[in-house]
Amino acid sequence: MAGITREEVAHLARLSRLELQAEELDHFAEQLDVIIGAVARVSEVAGQDVPPTSHPLPLTNVMRADEVRPSLTPEQALSGAPASEDQRFRVPQILGED
């Protein structure tokens, strides 16, 4: 497989709206060539009998089912708050917005 060329890196940079210097084009061409080579090696290892996966072990949902349980009322939850407003915690304004 032919490596990525300096011109291809320049084309990708233009598409990405990146301004690269000449030495950066050479440097990135070498780096991208190594990355493409690594991906190619992984592709060689994966056979037809190996399905694509995102995790080596199967994942299962371990969340419990939602059920209504007794909890604090808004008044109880806000009872220890230094300030509250409309059944919510009132906090200092930080963004300067209303």
N, C-alpha and C. Protein backbone atom coordinates (compact mmCIF):
# COMPACT_ATOMS: atom_id res chain seq x y z
N MET A 1 0.85 -1.19 0.00
CA MET A 1 0.00 0.00 0.00
C MET A 1 0.89 1.24 0.00
N ALA A 2 0.62 2.14 -0.89
CA ALA A 2 1.40 3.38 -0.98
C ALA A 2 1.06 4.28 0.21
N GLY A 3 2.08 4.99 0.72
CA GLY A 3 1.87 5.89 1.84
C GLY A 3 1.11 7.14 1.43
N ILE A 4 0.66 7.87 2.41
CA ILE A 4 -0.05 9.12 2.14
C ILE A 4 0.98 10.16 1.70
N THR A 5 0.61 10.92 0.70
CA THR A 5 1.55 11.88 0.15
C THR A 5 1.39 13.25 0.80
N ARG A 6 2.40 14.06 0.59
CA ARG A 6 2.38 15.44 1.07
C ARG A 6 1.21 16.21 0.46
N GLU A 7 0.93 15.94 -0.81
CA GLU A 7 -0.17 16.61 -1.50
C GLU A 7 -1.52 16.21 -0.89
N GLU A 8 -1.65 14.95 -0.50
CA GLU A 8 -2.90 14.50 0.12
C GLU A 8 -3.08 15.16 1.49
N VAL A 9 -2.00 15.32 2.23
CA VAL A 9 -2.07 16.03 3.51
C VAL A 9 -2.47 17.48 3.27
N ALA A 10 -1.90 18.11 2.27
CA ALA A 10 -2.26 19.51 1.95
C ALA A 10 -3.73 19.60 1.57
N HIS A 11 -4.22 18.62 0.83
CA HIS A 11 -5.65 18.61 0.43
C HIS A 11 -6.53 18.46 1.68
N LEU A 12 -6.17 17.54 2.56
CA LEU A 12 -6.94 17.38 3.80
C LEU A 12 -6.91 18.64 4.65
N ALA A 13 -5.76 19.29 4.69
CA ALA A 13 -5.64 20.54 5.44
C ALA A 13 -6.55 21.62 4.87
N ARG A 14 -6.59 21.71 3.53
CA ARG A 14 -7.49 22.70 2.90
C ARG A 14 -8.94 22.39 3.22
N LEU A 15 -9.33 21.11 3.14
CA LEU A 15 -10.71 20.73 3.46
C LEU A 15 -11.05 21.04 4.91
N SER A 16 -10.06 20.91 5.79
CA SER A 16 -10.26 21.17 7.22
C SER A 16 -10.05 22.64 7.57
N ARG A 17 -9.72 23.43 6.57
CA ARG A 17 -9.44 24.86 6.76
C ARG A 17 -8.29 25.08 7.74
N LEU A 18 -7.24 24.26 7.59
CA LEU A 18 -6.04 24.40 8.39
C LEU A 18 -4.92 24.95 7.52
N GLU A 19 -4.19 25.88 8.05
CA GLU A 19 -3.04 26.41 7.33
C GLU A 19 -1.79 25.74 7.88
N LEU A 20 -1.16 24.90 7.07
CA LEU A 20 0.03 24.16 7.50
C LEU A 20 1.26 24.66 6.77
N GLN A 21 2.37 24.70 7.48
CA GLN A 21 3.65 25.05 6.89
C GLN A 21 4.21 23.84 6.15
N ALA A 22 5.19 24.05 5.29
CA ALA A 22 5.77 22.98 4.49
C ALA A 22 6.32 21.85 5.36
N GLU A 23 7.01 22.20 6.44
CA GLU A 23 7.58 21.15 7.30
C GLU A 23 6.47 20.38 8.04
N GLU A 24 5.36 21.05 8.32
CA GLU A 24 4.23 20.36 8.96
C GLU A 24 3.61 19.35 8.01
N LEU A 25 3.54 19.68 6.73
CA LEU A 25 2.98 18.75 5.74
C LEU A 25 3.79 17.45 5.73
N ASP A 26 5.11 17.56 5.73
CA ASP A 26 5.96 16.37 5.75
C ASP A 26 5.79 15.59 7.04
N HIS A 27 5.76 16.31 8.15
CA HIS A 27 5.63 15.67 9.47
C HIS A 27 4.30 14.92 9.57
N PHE A 28 3.21 15.57 9.19
CA PHE A 28 1.90 14.93 9.27
C PHE A 28 1.76 13.79 8.28
N ALA A 29 2.38 13.90 7.13
CA ALA A 29 2.35 12.80 6.16
C ALA A 29 2.96 11.56 6.77
N GLU A 30 4.10 11.70 7.46
CA GLU A 30 4.73 10.56 8.13
C GLU A 30 3.83 9.99 9.21
N GLN A 31 3.25 10.86 10.04
CA GLN A 31 2.39 10.40 11.12
C GLN A 31 1.14 9.70 10.60
N LEU A 32 0.51 10.28 9.60
CA LEU A 32 -0.70 9.67 9.04
C LEU A 32 -0.38 8.33 8.38
N ASP A 33 0.79 8.22 7.79
CA ASP A 33 1.20 6.97 7.17
C ASP A 33 1.32 5.87 8.23
N VAL A 34 1.86 6.20 9.40
CA VAL A 34 1.96 5.23 10.49
C VAL A 34 0.57 4.82 10.97
N ILE A 35 -0.33 5.78 11.11
CA ILE A 35 -1.70 5.49 11.56
C ILE A 35 -2.41 4.59 10.56
N ILE A 36 -2.30 4.91 9.28
CA ILE A 36 -2.95 4.10 8.24
C ILE A 36 -2.37 2.69 8.23
N GLY A 37 -1.07 2.58 8.44
CA GLY A 37 -0.44 1.26 8.51
C GLY A 37 -0.95 0.45 9.68
N ALA A 38 -1.14 1.09 10.83
CA ALA A 38 -1.66 0.39 12.00
C ALA A 38 -3.08 -0.11 11.77
N VAL A 39 -3.90 0.69 11.14
CA VAL A 39 -5.28 0.28 10.83
C VAL A 39 -5.26 -0.88 9.85
N ALA A 40 -4.37 -0.84 8.89
CA ALA A 40 -4.26 -1.93 7.91
C ALA A 40 -3.86 -3.23 8.59
N ARG A 41 -2.95 -3.15 9.58
CA ARG A 41 -2.54 -4.36 10.30
C ARG A 41 -3.71 -4.95 11.08
N VAL A 42 -4.51 -4.12 11.69
CA VAL A 42 -5.69 -4.60 12.42
C VAL A 42 -6.66 -5.25 11.45
N SER A 43 -6.84 -4.68 10.29
CA SER A 43 -7.74 -5.24 9.29
C SER A 43 -7.27 -6.61 8.82
N GLU A 44 -5.96 -6.81 8.76
CA GLU A 44 -5.42 -8.11 8.35
C GLU A 44 -5.72 -9.19 9.38
N VAL A 45 -5.69 -8.84 10.65
CA VAL A 45 -5.90 -9.81 11.72
C VAL A 45 -7.35 -10.25 11.79
N ALA A 46 -8.26 -9.33 11.60
CA ALA A 46 -9.69 -9.66 11.70
C ALA A 46 -10.10 -10.53 10.52
N GLY A 47 -10.50 -11.75 10.83
CA GLY A 47 -10.93 -12.67 9.78
C GLY A 47 -12.42 -12.58 9.54
N GLN A 48 -12.90 -13.33 8.57
CA GLN A 48 -14.32 -13.32 8.24
C GLN A 48 -15.17 -13.89 9.38
N ASP A 49 -14.56 -14.76 10.20
CA ASP A 49 -15.32 -15.38 11.29
C ASP A 49 -15.34 -14.52 12.56
N VAL A 50 -14.69 -13.36 12.53
CA VAL A 50 -14.66 -12.47 13.71
C VAL A 50 -15.59 -11.29 13.45
N PRO A 51 -16.71 -11.23 14.18
CA PRO A 51 -17.65 -10.12 13.95
C PRO A 51 -17.09 -8.81 14.51
N PRO A 52 -17.41 -7.68 13.89
CA PRO A 52 -16.98 -6.38 14.43
C PRO A 52 -17.62 -6.14 15.79
N THR A 53 -16.87 -5.66 16.73
CA THR A 53 -17.39 -5.41 18.08
C THR A 53 -16.85 -4.09 18.62
N SER A 54 -17.56 -3.54 19.57
CA SER A 54 -17.08 -2.33 20.24
C SER A 54 -16.45 -2.68 21.59
N HIS A 55 -16.78 -3.88 22.11
CA HIS A 55 -16.24 -4.33 23.40
C HIS A 55 -15.85 -5.80 23.28
N PRO A 56 -14.80 -6.21 23.98
CA PRO A 56 -14.39 -7.61 23.90
C PRO A 56 -15.36 -8.57 24.57
N LEU A 57 -16.11 -8.08 25.56
CA LEU A 57 -17.10 -8.92 26.25
C LEU A 57 -18.49 -8.34 26.04
N PRO A 58 -19.51 -9.18 25.99
CA PRO A 58 -20.86 -8.66 25.80
C PRO A 58 -21.29 -7.79 26.99
N LEU A 59 -22.02 -6.74 26.70
CA LEU A 59 -22.52 -5.85 27.73
C LEU A 59 -24.00 -6.10 27.94
N THR A 60 -24.43 -5.98 29.19
CA THR A 60 -25.86 -6.09 29.48
C THR A 60 -26.26 -4.90 30.33
N ASN A 61 -27.52 -4.54 30.24
CA ASN A 61 -28.04 -3.43 31.01
C ASN A 61 -28.19 -3.87 32.47
N VAL A 62 -27.50 -3.19 33.37
CA VAL A 62 -27.54 -3.56 34.78
C VAL A 62 -28.38 -2.59 35.61
N MET A 63 -29.18 -1.77 34.96
CA MET A 63 -30.01 -0.82 35.69
C MET A 63 -31.25 -1.51 36.22
N ARG A 64 -31.68 -1.05 37.35
CA ARG A 64 -32.91 -1.60 37.93
C ARG A 64 -34.12 -0.96 37.28
N ALA A 65 -35.24 -1.59 37.43
CA ALA A 65 -36.49 -1.03 36.90
C ALA A 65 -36.90 0.18 37.73
N ASP A 66 -37.50 1.18 37.08
CA ASP A 66 -37.97 2.35 37.80
C ASP A 66 -39.17 1.97 38.66
N GLU A 67 -39.14 2.41 39.90
CA GLU A 67 -40.29 2.19 40.77
C GLU A 67 -40.42 3.38 41.70
N VAL A 68 -41.67 3.73 42.01
CA VAL A 68 -41.93 4.86 42.88
C VAL A 68 -41.60 4.46 44.30
N ARG A 69 -40.83 5.31 44.98
CA ARG A 69 -40.46 5.08 46.38
C ARG A 69 -40.70 6.36 47.16
N PRO A 70 -40.90 6.26 48.43
CA PRO A 70 -41.05 7.47 49.24
C PRO A 70 -39.78 8.32 49.14
N SER A 71 -39.96 9.62 49.06
CA SER A 71 -38.81 10.52 48.98
C SER A 71 -39.14 11.83 49.66
N LEU A 72 -38.19 12.74 49.64
CA LEU A 72 -38.39 14.04 50.27
C LEU A 72 -39.38 14.89 49.47
N THR A 73 -40.13 15.69 50.18
CA THR A 73 -40.96 16.69 49.52
C THR A 73 -40.03 17.84 49.11
N PRO A 74 -40.47 18.70 48.19
CA PRO A 74 -39.63 19.85 47.83
C PRO A 74 -39.27 20.70 49.05
N GLU A 75 -40.20 20.86 49.97
CA GLU A 75 -39.93 21.66 51.16
C GLU A 75 -38.85 21.01 52.02
N GLN A 76 -38.92 19.69 52.19
CA GLN A 76 -37.90 18.99 52.98
C GLN A 76 -36.53 19.08 52.30
N ALA A 77 -36.51 18.90 50.98
CA ALA A 77 -35.23 18.94 50.26
C ALA A 77 -34.59 20.32 50.35
N LEU A 78 -35.40 21.38 50.33
CA LEU A 78 -34.88 22.74 50.35
C LEU A 78 -34.74 23.31 51.75
N SER A 79 -35.11 22.54 52.78
CA SER A 79 -35.10 23.07 54.14
C SER A 79 -33.71 23.49 54.62
N GLY A 80 -32.66 22.86 54.15
CA GLY A 80 -31.32 23.22 54.58
C GLY A 80 -30.60 24.15 53.63
N ALA A 81 -31.28 24.54 52.55
CA ALA A 81 -30.64 25.41 51.56
C ALA A 81 -30.56 26.84 52.08
N PRO A 82 -29.46 27.53 51.80
CA PRO A 82 -29.36 28.93 52.23
C PRO A 82 -30.40 29.82 51.56
N ALA A 83 -30.80 29.47 50.32
CA ALA A 83 -31.82 30.26 49.61
C ALA A 83 -32.53 29.36 48.61
N SER A 84 -33.83 29.61 48.44
CA SER A 84 -34.60 28.86 47.45
C SER A 84 -35.59 29.79 46.79
N GLU A 85 -36.04 29.37 45.61
CA GLU A 85 -36.99 30.19 44.85
C GLU A 85 -37.77 29.25 43.92
N ASP A 86 -39.09 29.32 43.96
CA ASP A 86 -39.96 28.50 43.10
C ASP A 86 -39.62 27.01 43.21
N GLN A 87 -39.46 26.53 44.42
CA GLN A 87 -39.15 25.13 44.70
C GLN A 87 -37.83 24.68 44.05
N ARG A 88 -36.87 25.60 43.95
CA ARG A 88 -35.54 25.28 43.41
C ARG A 88 -34.48 25.93 44.29
N PHE A 89 -33.27 25.35 44.25
CA PHE A 89 -32.15 25.98 44.95
C PHE A 89 -31.82 27.29 44.26
N ARG A 90 -31.66 28.34 45.03
CA ARG A 90 -31.23 29.63 44.47
C ARG A 90 -29.72 29.72 44.66
N VAL A 91 -29.03 29.97 43.57
CA VAL A 91 -27.57 30.07 43.61
C VAL A 91 -27.15 31.42 43.04
N PRO A 92 -25.93 31.86 43.36
CA PRO A 92 -25.48 33.15 42.81
C PRO A 92 -25.38 33.09 41.29
N GLN A 93 -25.71 34.20 40.65
CA GLN A 93 -25.63 34.31 39.20
C GLN A 93 -24.16 34.34 38.79
N ILE A 94 -23.81 33.55 37.77
CA ILE A 94 -22.41 33.50 37.37
C ILE A 94 -22.18 33.95 35.92
N LEU A 95 -23.19 33.95 35.10
CA LEU A 95 -23.01 34.28 33.69
C LEU A 95 -23.48 35.68 33.32
N GLY A 96 -24.04 36.40 34.25
CA GLY A 96 -24.49 37.76 33.97
C GLY A 96 -25.77 37.79 33.15
N GLU A 97 -26.50 36.69 33.12
CA GLU A 97 -27.75 36.65 32.37
C GLU A 97 -28.92 36.76 33.33
N ASP A 98 -30.08 37.19 32.80
CA ASP A 98 -31.28 37.26 33.64
C ASP A 98 -31.96 35.93 33.70
